[in-house]
């Protein structure tokens, strides 16, 4: 991989935005969902909590990624490099499965309200979340296991320039990696995207067929569908298209690095999914904003109170 000043600036900009927006938003979501699960656990809350943890995992490693981008070379521990790539990859594909499960949960709740209400169980959501984590972890670990077989590079893969934290593969490794990345494109991107599209289209159509349905709830449902599609298109589509193109061309193109960067941007977009999915989070956010707005008023009142005491004296 070639580090350029353009790539460095682009990486630092995106990662900075991610940290500034993603950290407070996801910490607020984590606090809200943990409290909600203690009071009354619902399947949707379990899925949203796991999605929050997945985002925080990405945010944890971003400072290391920013350090590499700033110095334009990897200067940290050799073992930290594959660990960072592994968890970012795991988080990305785990998120596709969790977002898909959220869309299915929302659709079933509207399409089969009575039947699904009796079968809705937090236990099933926990089992599904654990399964999603395992599927993502196993898939992403495969790349690093294959990488250990041989470490030299040849003309069929782009050479590693400098100490960059990006896996490169020789011809023997590519014969295994490229079909595997095609499988990632089909199984962990295309299928979840098709399921999400079906669920949210049906979800919105059903809501529009309900004459007395609350207009605010309908707007939130549409907002949830739009944000979900944005997450898939902005965060997941570029890197998965690069997986497909790598398989077609027979090598990993140099521009792939630019497609990996947007995948971490989901830590900024996922909080919008939380907002449209959870009424508890909306209430908590409103209280936080209200508290910030009222703080200057409280301070001003306290200052006037102190001035009045001084005048009396």
C-alpha atoms as a PDB file:
ATOM      1  CA  UNK A   1       0.000   0.000   0.000  1.00  0.00           C
ATOM      2  CA  UNK A   2       1.212   3.511  -0.858  1.00  0.00           C
ATOM      3  CA  UNK A   3       0.647   6.180   1.792  1.00  0.00           C
ATOM      4  CA  UNK A   4       0.074   9.541   0.100  1.00  0.00           C
ATOM      5  CA  UNK A   5      -0.604  12.951   1.609  1.00  0.00           C
ATOM      6  CA  UNK A   6      -4.104  12.892   0.088  1.00  0.00           C
ATOM      7  CA  UNK A   7      -4.855   9.495   1.621  1.00  0.00           C
ATOM      8  CA  UNK A   8      -3.393  10.603   4.953  1.00  0.00           C
ATOM      9  CA  UNK A   9      -5.518  13.766   5.098  1.00  0.00           C
ATOM     10  CA  UNK A  10      -8.630  11.901   3.988  1.00  0.00           C
ATOM     11  CA  UNK A  11      -8.096   9.254   6.672  1.00  0.00           C
ATOM     12  CA  UNK A  12      -7.475  11.800   9.429  1.00  0.00           C
ATOM     13  CA  UNK A  13     -10.561  13.796   8.451  1.00  0.00           C
ATOM     14  CA  UNK A  14     -12.912  10.814   8.389  1.00  0.00           C
ATOM     15  CA  UNK A  15     -11.534   9.286  11.583  1.00  0.00           C
ATOM     16  CA  UNK A  16     -11.747  12.634  13.417  1.00  0.00           C
ATOM     17  CA  UNK A  17     -15.405  13.059  12.445  1.00  0.00           C
ATOM     18  CA  UNK A  18     -16.014   9.485  13.507  1.00  0.00           C
ATOM     19  CA  UNK A  19     -14.547  10.047  16.958  1.00  0.00           C
ATOM     20  CA  UNK A  20     -16.195  13.422  17.595  1.00  0.00           C
ATOM     21  CA  UNK A  21     -19.680  12.196  16.684  1.00  0.00           C
ATOM     22  CA  UNK A  22     -19.451   8.467  17.276  1.00  0.00           C
ATOM     23  CA  UNK A  23     -17.987   8.386  20.798  1.00  0.00           C
ATOM     24  CA  UNK A  24     -20.593  10.534  22.623  1.00  0.00           C
ATOM     25  CA  UNK A  25     -23.487   9.169  20.553  1.00  0.00           C
ATOM     26  CA  UNK A  26     -22.576   5.528  21.121  1.00  0.00           C
ATOM     27  CA  UNK A  27     -21.760   6.007  24.809  1.00  0.00           C
ATOM     28  CA  UNK A  28     -25.167   7.616  25.303  1.00  0.00           C
ATOM     29  CA  UNK A  29     -26.766   4.714  23.433  1.00  0.00           C
ATOM     30  CA  UNK A  30     -24.823   2.171  25.511  1.00  0.00           C
ATOM     31  CA  UNK A  31     -25.950   3.802  28.767  1.00  0.00           C
ATOM     32  CA  UNK A  32     -29.576   3.935  27.587  1.00  0.00           C
ATOM     33  CA  UNK A  33     -29.783   0.350  26.344  1.00  0.00           C
ATOM     34  CA  UNK A  34     -28.101  -1.106  29.440  1.00  0.00           C
ATOM     35  CA  UNK A  35     -30.635   0.663  31.686  1.00  0.00           C
ATOM     36  CA  UNK A  36     -33.476  -0.426  29.412  1.00  0.00           C
ATOM     37  CA  UNK A  37     -32.378  -4.068  29.493  1.00  0.00           C
ATOM     38  CA  UNK A  38     -32.218  -3.984  33.298  1.00  0.00           C
ATOM     39  CA  UNK A  39     -35.800  -2.731  33.519  1.00  0.00           C
ATOM     40  CA  UNK A  40     -37.492  -4.591  30.695  1.00  0.00           C
ATOM     41  CA  UNK A  41     -35.500  -6.466  28.082  1.00  0.00           C
ATOM     42  CA  UNK A  42     -36.847  -6.474  24.524  1.00  0.00           C
ATOM     43  CA  UNK A  43     -35.341  -8.212  21.464  1.00  0.00           C
ATOM     44  CA  UNK A  44     -34.785  -4.918  19.665  1.00  0.00           C
ATOM     45  CA  UNK A  45     -32.838  -3.516  22.633  1.00  0.00           C
ATOM     46  CA  UNK A  46     -30.554  -6.562  22.634  1.00  0.00           C
ATOM     47  CA  UNK A  47     -29.775  -6.093  18.939  1.00  0.00           C
ATOM     48  CA  UNK A  48     -29.217  -2.346  19.324  1.00  0.00           C
ATOM     49  CA  UNK A  49     -26.917  -2.892  22.314  1.00  0.00           C
ATOM     50  CA  UNK A  50     -24.763  -5.294  20.291  1.00  0.00           C
ATOM     51  CA  UNK A  51     -24.670  -2.841  17.399  1.00  0.00           C
ATOM     52  CA  UNK A  52     -23.487  -0.157  19.835  1.00  0.00           C
ATOM     53  CA  UNK A  53     -20.727  -2.432  21.163  1.00  0.00           C
ATOM     54  CA  UNK A  54     -19.711  -3.164  17.585  1.00  0.00           C
ATOM     55  CA  UNK A  55     -19.376   0.561  16.878  1.00  0.00           C
ATOM     56  CA  UNK A  56     -17.429   1.228  20.085  1.00  0.00           C
ATOM     57  CA  UNK A  57     -15.022  -1.530  19.069  1.00  0.00           C
ATOM     58  CA  UNK A  58     -14.231   0.366  15.870  1.00  0.00           C
ATOM     59  CA  UNK A  59     -13.914   3.670  17.728  1.00  0.00           C
ATOM     60  CA  UNK A  60     -11.437   2.102  20.166  1.00  0.00           C
ATOM     61  CA  UNK A  61      -8.980   1.301  17.356  1.00  0.00           C
ATOM     62  CA  UNK A  62      -9.381   4.550  15.397  1.00  0.00           C
ATOM     63  CA  UNK A  63      -6.675   6.483  17.341  1.00  0.00           C
ATOM     64  CA  UNK A  64      -4.117   3.835  16.289  1.00  0.00           C
ATOM     65  CA  UNK A  65      -5.301   4.147  12.698  1.00  0.00           C
ATOM     66  CA  UNK A  66      -5.005   7.941  12.913  1.00  0.00           C
ATOM     67  CA  UNK A  67      -1.460   7.668  14.268  1.00  0.00           C
ATOM     68  CA  UNK A  68      -0.458   5.575  11.266  1.00  0.00           C
ATOM     69  CA  UNK A  69      -2.145   8.031   8.888  1.00  0.00           C
ATOM     70  CA  UNK A  70      -0.405  11.007  10.503  1.00  0.00           C
ATOM     71  CA  UNK A  71       3.063   9.405  10.356  1.00  0.00           C
ATOM     72  CA  UNK A  72       2.288   7.674   7.023  1.00  0.00           C
ATOM     73  CA  UNK A  73       3.790   4.436   8.311  1.00  0.00           C
ATOM     74  CA  UNK A  74       3.035   1.819  10.994  1.00  0.00           C
ATOM     75  CA  UNK A  75       5.264   2.376  14.038  1.00  0.00           C
ATOM     76  CA  UNK A  76       3.273   0.545  16.701  1.00  0.00           C
ATOM     77  CA  UNK A  77       3.455  -3.104  17.754  1.00  0.00           C
ATOM     78  CA  UNK A  78       3.545  -5.682  14.962  1.00  0.00           C
ATOM     79  CA  UNK A  79       0.837  -7.710  16.725  1.00  0.00           C
ATOM     80  CA  UNK A  80      -1.488  -4.720  17.114  1.00  0.00           C
ATOM     81  CA  UNK A  81      -1.707  -4.256  13.348  1.00  0.00           C
ATOM     82  CA  UNK A  82      -3.530  -7.519  12.440  1.00  0.00           C
ATOM     83  CA  UNK A  83      -5.552  -7.265  15.652  1.00  0.00           C
ATOM     84  CA  UNK A  84      -6.866  -3.841  14.622  1.00  0.00           C
ATOM     85  CA  UNK A  85      -7.746  -5.009  11.115  1.00  0.00           C
ATOM     86  CA  UNK A  86      -9.397  -8.141  12.452  1.00  0.00           C
ATOM     87  CA  UNK A  87     -11.725  -6.344  14.869  1.00  0.00           C
ATOM     88  CA  UNK A  88     -12.649  -3.612  12.376  1.00  0.00           C
ATOM     89  CA  UNK A  89     -13.511  -6.304   9.819  1.00  0.00           C
ATOM     90  CA  UNK A  90     -15.458  -8.278  12.432  1.00  0.00           C
ATOM     91  CA  UNK A  91     -17.379  -5.199  13.509  1.00  0.00           C
ATOM     92  CA  UNK A  92     -18.309  -4.289   9.931  1.00  0.00           C
ATOM     93  CA  UNK A  93     -19.728  -7.680   8.961  1.00  0.00           C
ATOM     94  CA  UNK A  94     -21.303  -8.191  12.362  1.00  0.00           C
ATOM     95  CA  UNK A  95     -23.121  -4.890  11.814  1.00  0.00           C
ATOM     96  CA  UNK A  96     -24.561  -6.028   8.479  1.00  0.00           C
ATOM     97  CA  UNK A  97     -26.109  -9.020  10.243  1.00  0.00           C
ATOM     98  CA  UNK A  98     -27.380  -6.975  13.197  1.00  0.00           C
ATOM     99  CA  UNK A  99     -28.901  -4.271  10.979  1.00  0.00           C
ATOM    100  CA  UNK A 100     -30.591  -7.018   8.962  1.00  0.00           C
ATOM    101  CA  UNK A 101     -31.973  -8.609  12.122  1.00  0.00           C
ATOM    102  CA  UNK A 102     -33.343  -5.220  13.220  1.00  0.00           C
ATOM    103  CA  UNK A 103     -35.149  -4.831   9.892  1.00  0.00           C
ATOM    104  CA  UNK A 104     -36.647  -8.322  10.230  1.00  0.00           C
ATOM    105  CA  UNK A 105     -37.753  -7.581  13.797  1.00  0.00           C
ATOM    106  CA  UNK A 106     -39.451  -4.351  12.749  1.00  0.00           C
ATOM    107  CA  UNK A 107     -41.170  -6.009   9.798  1.00  0.00           C
ATOM    108  CA  UNK A 108     -42.491  -8.969  11.800  1.00  0.00           C
ATOM    109  CA  UNK A 109     -43.811  -6.630  14.486  1.00  0.00           C
ATOM    110  CA  UNK A 110     -45.949  -4.801  11.908  1.00  0.00           C
ATOM    111  CA  UNK A 111     -46.849  -7.623   9.501  1.00  0.00           C
ATOM    112  CA  UNK A 112     -47.751 -10.177  12.196  1.00  0.00           C
ATOM    113  CA  UNK A 113     -48.366  -8.104  15.352  1.00  0.00           C
ATOM    114  CA  UNK A 114     -50.364 -10.656  17.353  1.00  0.00           C
ATOM    115  CA  UNK A 115     -48.540 -13.807  16.296  1.00  0.00           C
ATOM    116  CA  UNK A 116     -45.076 -12.289  16.658  1.00  0.00           C
ATOM    117  CA  UNK A 117     -45.885 -10.673  20.020  1.00  0.00           C
ATOM    118  CA  UNK A 118     -46.274 -14.104  21.642  1.00  0.00           C
ATOM    119  CA  UNK A 119     -43.048 -15.428  20.092  1.00  0.00           C
ATOM    120  CA  UNK A 120     -40.942 -12.315  20.731  1.00  0.00           C
ATOM    121  CA  UNK A 121     -38.234 -13.201  23.242  1.00  0.00           C
ATOM    122  CA  UNK A 122     -35.007 -11.480  24.380  1.00  0.00           C
ATOM    123  CA  UNK A 123     -33.457 -14.935  24.643  1.00  0.00           C
ATOM    124  CA  UNK A 124     -33.826 -15.493  20.899  1.00  0.00           C
ATOM    125  CA  UNK A 125     -32.271 -12.095  20.237  1.00  0.00           C
ATOM    126  CA  UNK A 126     -29.303 -12.962  22.482  1.00  0.00           C
ATOM    127  CA  UNK A 127     -28.800 -16.271  20.654  1.00  0.00           C
ATOM    128  CA  UNK A 128     -28.959 -14.472  17.304  1.00  0.00           C
ATOM    129  CA  UNK A 129     -26.500 -11.786  18.445  1.00  0.00           C
ATOM    130  CA  UNK A 130     -23.997 -14.397  19.677  1.00  0.00           C
ATOM    131  CA  UNK A 131     -24.348 -16.269  16.381  1.00  0.00           C
ATOM    132  CA  UNK A 132     -23.713 -13.060  14.425  1.00  0.00           C
ATOM    133  CA  UNK A 133     -20.559 -12.323  16.407  1.00  0.00           C
ATOM    134  CA  UNK A 134     -19.265 -15.860  15.838  1.00  0.00           C
ATOM    135  CA  UNK A 135     -20.024 -15.784  12.099  1.00  0.00           C
ATOM    136  CA  UNK A 136     -18.250 -12.450  11.660  1.00  0.00           C
ATOM    137  CA  UNK A 137     -15.265 -13.469  13.807  1.00  0.00           C
ATOM    138  CA  UNK A 138     -14.774 -16.774  11.989  1.00  0.00           C
ATOM    139  CA  UNK A 139     -15.028 -15.165   8.557  1.00  0.00           C
ATOM    140  CA  UNK A 140     -12.573 -12.377   9.343  1.00  0.00           C
ATOM    141  CA  UNK A 141     -10.075 -14.672  11.079  1.00  0.00           C
ATOM    142  CA  UNK A 142      -9.805 -16.725   7.884  1.00  0.00           C
ATOM    143  CA  UNK A 143      -7.906 -13.936   6.101  1.00  0.00           C
ATOM    144  CA  UNK A 144      -5.232 -13.729   8.797  1.00  0.00           C
ATOM    145  CA  UNK A 145      -4.861 -17.492   9.073  1.00  0.00           C
ATOM    146  CA  UNK A 146      -4.178 -17.705   5.334  1.00  0.00           C
ATOM    147  CA  UNK A 147      -1.737 -14.805   5.572  1.00  0.00           C
ATOM    148  CA  UNK A 148       0.485 -16.828   7.927  1.00  0.00           C
ATOM    149  CA  UNK A 149       1.065 -19.618   5.381  1.00  0.00           C
ATOM    150  CA  UNK A 150       3.540 -17.578   3.309  1.00  0.00           C
ATOM    151  CA  UNK A 151       4.793 -14.062   3.879  1.00  0.00           C
ATOM    152  CA  UNK A 152       6.677 -13.217   0.675  1.00  0.00           C
ATOM    153  CA  UNK A 153       5.131 -11.146  -2.140  1.00  0.00           C
ATOM    154  CA  UNK A 154       5.232 -11.565  -5.876  1.00  0.00           C
ATOM    155  CA  UNK A 155       4.102  -9.737  -8.992  1.00  0.00           C
ATOM    156  CA  UNK A 156       0.468 -10.843  -8.726  1.00  0.00           C
ATOM    157  CA  UNK A 157      -0.185  -8.711  -5.666  1.00  0.00           C
ATOM    158  CA  UNK A 158       0.773  -5.128  -5.166  1.00  0.00           C
ATOM    159  CA  UNK A 159       3.972  -4.771  -3.146  1.00  0.00           C
ATOM    160  CA  UNK A 160       3.948  -3.431   0.348  1.00  0.00           C
ATOM    161  CA  UNK A 161       5.602  -0.024   0.360  1.00  0.00           C
ATOM    162  CA  UNK A 162       6.917   1.098   3.722  1.00  0.00           C
ATOM    163  CA  UNK A 163       5.600  -0.159   7.024  1.00  0.00           C
ATOM    164  CA  UNK A 164       1.888   0.023   6.252  1.00  0.00           C
ATOM    165  CA  UNK A 165      -0.682  -1.829   8.323  1.00  0.00           C
ATOM    166  CA  UNK A 166      -2.437  -3.442   5.374  1.00  0.00           C
ATOM    167  CA  UNK A 167      -2.384  -7.123   4.512  1.00  0.00           C
ATOM    168  CA  UNK A 168      -0.882  -8.022   1.114  1.00  0.00           C
ATOM    169  CA  UNK A 169      -0.928 -11.497  -0.389  1.00  0.00           C
ATOM    170  CA  UNK A 170       1.185 -13.548  -2.760  1.00  0.00           C
ATOM    171  CA  UNK A 171      -0.189 -15.561  -5.699  1.00  0.00           C
ATOM    172  CA  UNK A 172      -0.761 -18.710  -3.637  1.00  0.00           C
ATOM    173  CA  UNK A 173      -2.641 -16.803  -0.963  1.00  0.00           C
ATOM    174  CA  UNK A 174      -4.710 -14.889  -3.525  1.00  0.00           C
ATOM    175  CA  UNK A 175      -6.044 -18.154  -4.975  1.00  0.00           C
ATOM    176  CA  UNK A 176      -7.670 -18.735  -1.570  1.00  0.00           C
ATOM    177  CA  UNK A 177      -8.413 -15.158  -0.513  1.00  0.00           C
ATOM    178  CA  UNK A 178     -10.162 -13.890  -3.652  1.00  0.00           C
ATOM    179  CA  UNK A 179     -12.898 -16.594  -3.780  1.00  0.00           C
ATOM    180  CA  UNK A 180     -13.343 -16.072  -0.055  1.00  0.00           C
ATOM    181  CA  UNK A 181     -13.893 -12.337  -0.565  1.00  0.00           C
ATOM    182  CA  UNK A 182     -16.450 -13.138  -3.241  1.00  0.00           C
ATOM    183  CA  UNK A 183     -18.232 -15.254  -0.630  1.00  0.00           C
ATOM    184  CA  UNK A 184     -18.150 -12.278   1.756  1.00  0.00           C
ATOM    185  CA  UNK A 185     -19.694 -10.107  -0.957  1.00  0.00           C
ATOM    186  CA  UNK A 186     -22.544 -12.559  -1.585  1.00  0.00           C
ATOM    187  CA  UNK A 187     -23.247 -13.967   1.886  1.00  0.00           C
ATOM    188  CA  UNK A 188     -22.501 -11.053   4.221  1.00  0.00           C
ATOM    189  CA  UNK A 189     -23.486  -8.156   1.974  1.00  0.00           C
ATOM    190  CA  UNK A 190     -25.850  -9.052  -0.887  1.00  0.00           C
ATOM    191  CA  UNK A 191     -28.135 -11.382   1.069  1.00  0.00           C
ATOM    192  CA  UNK A 192     -28.470  -9.037   4.102  1.00  0.00           C
ATOM    193  CA  UNK A 193     -29.079  -6.078   1.770  1.00  0.00           C
ATOM    194  CA  UNK A 194     -31.836  -7.940  -0.104  1.00  0.00           C
ATOM    195  CA  UNK A 195     -33.478  -8.977   3.182  1.00  0.00           C
ATOM    196  CA  UNK A 196     -33.292  -5.405   4.536  1.00  0.00           C
ATOM    197  CA  UNK A 197     -34.748  -3.997   1.328  1.00  0.00           C
ATOM    198  CA  UNK A 198     -37.648  -6.444   1.377  1.00  0.00           C
ATOM    199  CA  UNK A 199     -38.418  -5.902   5.072  1.00  0.00           C
ATOM    200  CA  UNK A 200     -38.369  -2.108   5.013  1.00  0.00           C
ATOM    201  CA  UNK A 201     -40.282  -1.771   1.746  1.00  0.00           C
ATOM    202  CA  UNK A 202     -43.005  -4.069   3.096  1.00  0.00           C
ATOM    203  CA  UNK A 203     -42.783  -2.313   6.462  1.00  0.00           C
ATOM    204  CA  UNK A 204     -43.477   1.116   4.944  1.00  0.00           C
ATOM    205  CA  UNK A 205     -46.208  -0.180   2.623  1.00  0.00           C
ATOM    206  CA  UNK A 206     -48.035  -1.784   5.555  1.00  0.00           C
ATOM    207  CA  UNK A 207     -47.842   1.447   7.558  1.00  0.00           C
ATOM    208  CA  UNK A 208     -49.321   3.441   4.676  1.00  0.00           C
ATOM    209  CA  UNK A 209     -52.208   0.976   4.474  1.00  0.00           C
ATOM    210  CA  UNK A 210     -53.123   1.667   8.095  1.00  0.00           C
ATOM    211  CA  UNK A 211     -55.468   4.705   7.938  1.00  0.00           C
ATOM    212  CA  UNK A 212     -55.300   5.643  11.624  1.00  0.00           C
ATOM    213  CA  UNK A 213     -51.579   5.098  12.075  1.00  0.00           C
ATOM    214  CA  UNK A 214     -49.733   7.953  13.795  1.00  0.00           C
ATOM    215  CA  UNK A 215     -48.003  10.225  11.267  1.00  0.00           C
ATOM    216  CA  UNK A 216     -44.963  10.721  13.534  1.00  0.00           C
ATOM    217  CA  UNK A 217     -44.446   6.976  13.840  1.00  0.00           C
ATOM    218  CA  UNK A 218     -44.785   6.631  10.079  1.00  0.00           C
ATOM    219  CA  UNK A 219     -42.147   9.342   9.590  1.00  0.00           C
ATOM    220  CA  UNK A 220     -39.797   7.597  12.014  1.00  0.00           C
ATOM    221  CA  UNK A 221     -40.302   4.315  10.154  1.00  0.00           C
ATOM    222  CA  UNK A 222     -39.377   5.979   6.877  1.00  0.00           C
ATOM    223  CA  UNK A 223     -36.387   7.631   8.556  1.00  0.00           C
ATOM    224  CA  UNK A 224     -35.227   4.264   9.894  1.00  0.00           C
ATOM    225  CA  UNK A 225     -35.437   2.705   6.425  1.00  0.00           C
ATOM    226  CA  UNK A 226     -33.537   5.607   4.830  1.00  0.00           C
ATOM    227  CA  UNK A 227     -30.741   5.545   7.429  1.00  0.00           C
ATOM    228  CA  UNK A 228     -30.388   1.770   7.089  1.00  0.00           C
ATOM    229  CA  UNK A 229     -30.018   2.043   3.316  1.00  0.00           C
ATOM    230  CA  UNK A 230     -27.477   4.845   3.781  1.00  0.00           C
ATOM    231  CA  UNK A 231     -25.429   2.639   6.124  1.00  0.00           C
ATOM    232  CA  UNK A 232     -25.405  -0.163   3.544  1.00  0.00           C
ATOM    233  CA  UNK A 233     -24.590   2.121   0.606  1.00  0.00           C
ATOM    234  CA  UNK A 234     -22.038   4.447   2.244  1.00  0.00           C
ATOM    235  CA  UNK A 235     -20.350   2.059   4.681  1.00  0.00           C
ATOM    236  CA  UNK A 236     -20.698  -1.462   3.295  1.00  0.00           C
ATOM    237  CA  UNK A 237     -21.071  -1.108  -0.489  1.00  0.00           C
ATOM    238  CA  UNK A 238     -17.614   0.333  -1.414  1.00  0.00           C
ATOM    239  CA  UNK A 239     -15.495  -2.293   0.344  1.00  0.00           C
ATOM    240  CA  UNK A 240     -17.697  -5.142  -0.858  1.00  0.00           C
ATOM    241  CA  UNK A 241     -17.536  -3.877  -4.441  1.00  0.00           C
ATOM    242  CA  UNK A 242     -13.748  -3.929  -4.084  1.00  0.00           C
ATOM    243  CA  UNK A 243     -14.039  -7.561  -2.935  1.00  0.00           C
ATOM    244  CA  UNK A 244     -15.993  -8.374  -6.083  1.00  0.00           C
ATOM    245  CA  UNK A 245     -13.585  -6.483  -8.362  1.00  0.00           C
ATOM    246  CA  UNK A 246     -10.603  -8.185  -6.717  1.00  0.00           C
ATOM    247  CA  UNK A 247     -12.095 -11.567  -7.579  1.00  0.00           C
ATOM    248  CA  UNK A 248     -12.850 -10.535 -11.179  1.00  0.00           C
ATOM    249  CA  UNK A 249      -9.407  -8.991 -11.813  1.00  0.00           C
ATOM    250  CA  UNK A 250      -7.429 -11.626  -9.939  1.00  0.00           C
ATOM    251  CA  UNK A 251      -5.520  -9.168  -7.761  1.00  0.00           C
ATOM    252  CA  UNK A 252      -6.184  -6.583  -5.059  1.00  0.00           C
ATOM    253  CA  UNK A 253      -6.398  -3.112  -6.671  1.00  0.00           C
ATOM    254  CA  UNK A 254      -4.562  -0.184  -5.150  1.00  0.00           C
ATOM    255  CA  UNK A 255      -7.751   1.875  -4.762  1.00  0.00           C
ATOM    256  CA  UNK A 256      -9.212  -0.697  -2.354  1.00  0.00           C
ATOM    257  CA  UNK A 257      -7.779   1.235   0.602  1.00  0.00           C
ATOM    258  CA  UNK A 258     -10.150   4.125  -0.161  1.00  0.00           C
ATOM    259  CA  UNK A 259     -13.124   1.747   0.036  1.00  0.00           C
ATOM    260  CA  UNK A 260     -12.126   0.427   3.460  1.00  0.00           C
ATOM    261  CA  UNK A 261     -12.243   3.878   5.087  1.00  0.00           C
ATOM    262  CA  UNK A 262     -16.034   4.449   4.729  1.00  0.00           C
ATOM    263  CA  UNK A 263     -16.706   1.121   6.474  1.00  0.00           C
ATOM    264  CA  UNK A 264     -15.659   2.691   9.785  1.00  0.00           C
ATOM    265  CA  UNK A 265     -18.031   5.618   9.202  1.00  0.00           C
ATOM    266  CA  UNK A 266     -20.933   3.460  10.366  1.00  0.00           C
ATOM    267  CA  UNK A 267     -20.052   4.491  13.922  1.00  0.00           C
ATOM    268  CA  UNK A 268     -21.478   7.920  12.989  1.00  0.00           C
ATOM    269  CA  UNK A 269     -24.526   6.673  11.079  1.00  0.00           C
ATOM    270  CA  UNK A 270     -25.628   3.847  13.377  1.00  0.00           C
ATOM    271  CA  UNK A 271     -26.726   6.270  16.152  1.00  0.00           C
ATOM    272  CA  UNK A 272     -29.438   7.467  13.752  1.00  0.00           C
ATOM    273  CA  UNK A 273     -30.686   3.867  13.620  1.00  0.00           C
ATOM    274  CA  UNK A 274     -30.787   3.873  17.423  1.00  0.00           C
ATOM    275  CA  UNK A 275     -32.693   7.157  17.399  1.00  0.00           C
ATOM    276  CA  UNK A 276     -35.379   5.976  14.977  1.00  0.00           C
ATOM    277  CA  UNK A 277     -35.644   2.524  16.610  1.00  0.00           C
ATOM    278  CA  UNK A 278     -35.744   3.324  20.332  1.00  0.00           C
ATOM    279  CA  UNK A 279     -38.218   5.668  22.017  1.00  0.00           C
ATOM    280  CA  UNK A 280     -36.189   5.377  25.238  1.00  0.00           C
ATOM    281  CA  UNK A 281     -33.085   6.721  23.506  1.00  0.00           C
ATOM    282  CA  UNK A 282     -35.075   9.589  22.004  1.00  0.00           C
ATOM    283  CA  UNK A 283     -36.305  10.493  25.486  1.00  0.00           C
ATOM    284  CA  UNK A 284     -32.795  10.279  26.974  1.00  0.00           C
ATOM    285  CA  UNK A 285     -31.377  12.428  24.182  1.00  0.00           C
ATOM    286  CA  UNK A 286     -34.118  15.028  24.681  1.00  0.00           C
ATOM    287  CA  UNK A 287     -33.310  15.159  28.407  1.00  0.00           C
ATOM    288  CA  UNK A 288     -29.591  15.627  27.695  1.00  0.00           C
ATOM    289  CA  UNK A 289     -30.236  18.419  25.202  1.00  0.00           C
ATOM    290  CA  UNK A 290     -32.720  20.025  27.582  1.00  0.00           C
ATOM    291  CA  UNK A 291     -30.154  19.924  30.352  1.00  0.00           C
ATOM    292  CA  UNK A 292     -27.526  21.597  28.164  1.00  0.00           C
ATOM    293  CA  UNK A 293     -29.971  24.291  27.080  1.00  0.00           C
ATOM    294  CA  UNK A 294     -31.066  25.027  30.647  1.00  0.00           C
ATOM    295  CA  UNK A 295     -27.548  25.184  32.085  1.00  0.00           C
ATOM    296  CA  UNK A 296     -26.878  28.769  30.953  1.00  0.00           C
ATOM    297  CA  UNK A 297     -30.220  29.824  32.427  1.00  0.00           C
ATOM    298  CA  UNK A 298     -29.380  28.211  35.748  1.00  0.00           C
ATOM    299  CA  UNK A 299     -25.957  29.875  35.733  1.00  0.00           C
ATOM    300  CA  UNK A 300     -27.480  33.270  34.903  1.00  0.00           C
ATOM    301  CA  UNK A 301     -30.055  32.889  37.677  1.00  0.00           C
ATOM    302  CA  UNK A 302     -27.321  31.958  40.181  1.00  0.00           C
ATOM    303  CA  UNK A 303     -25.265  35.012  39.166  1.00  0.00           C
ATOM    304  CA  UNK A 304     -28.265  37.336  39.626  1.00  0.00           C
ATOM    305  CA  UNK A 305     -28.951  35.722  42.997  1.00  0.00           C
ATOM    306  CA  UNK A 306     -25.371  36.377  44.147  1.00  0.00           C
ATOM    307  CA  UNK A 307     -25.547  40.008  42.958  1.00  0.00           C
ATOM    308  CA  UNK A 308     -28.744  40.566  44.923  1.00  0.00           C
ATOM    309  CA  UNK A 309     -27.077  39.224  48.075  1.00  0.00           C
ATOM    310  CA  UNK A 310     -24.157  41.619  47.620  1.00  0.00           C
ATOM    311  CA  UNK A 311     -26.505  44.602  47.179  1.00  0.00           C
ATOM    312  CA  UNK A 312     -28.412  43.696  50.342  1.00  0.00           C
ATOM    313  CA  UNK A 313     -25.181  43.667  52.298  1.00  0.00           C
END
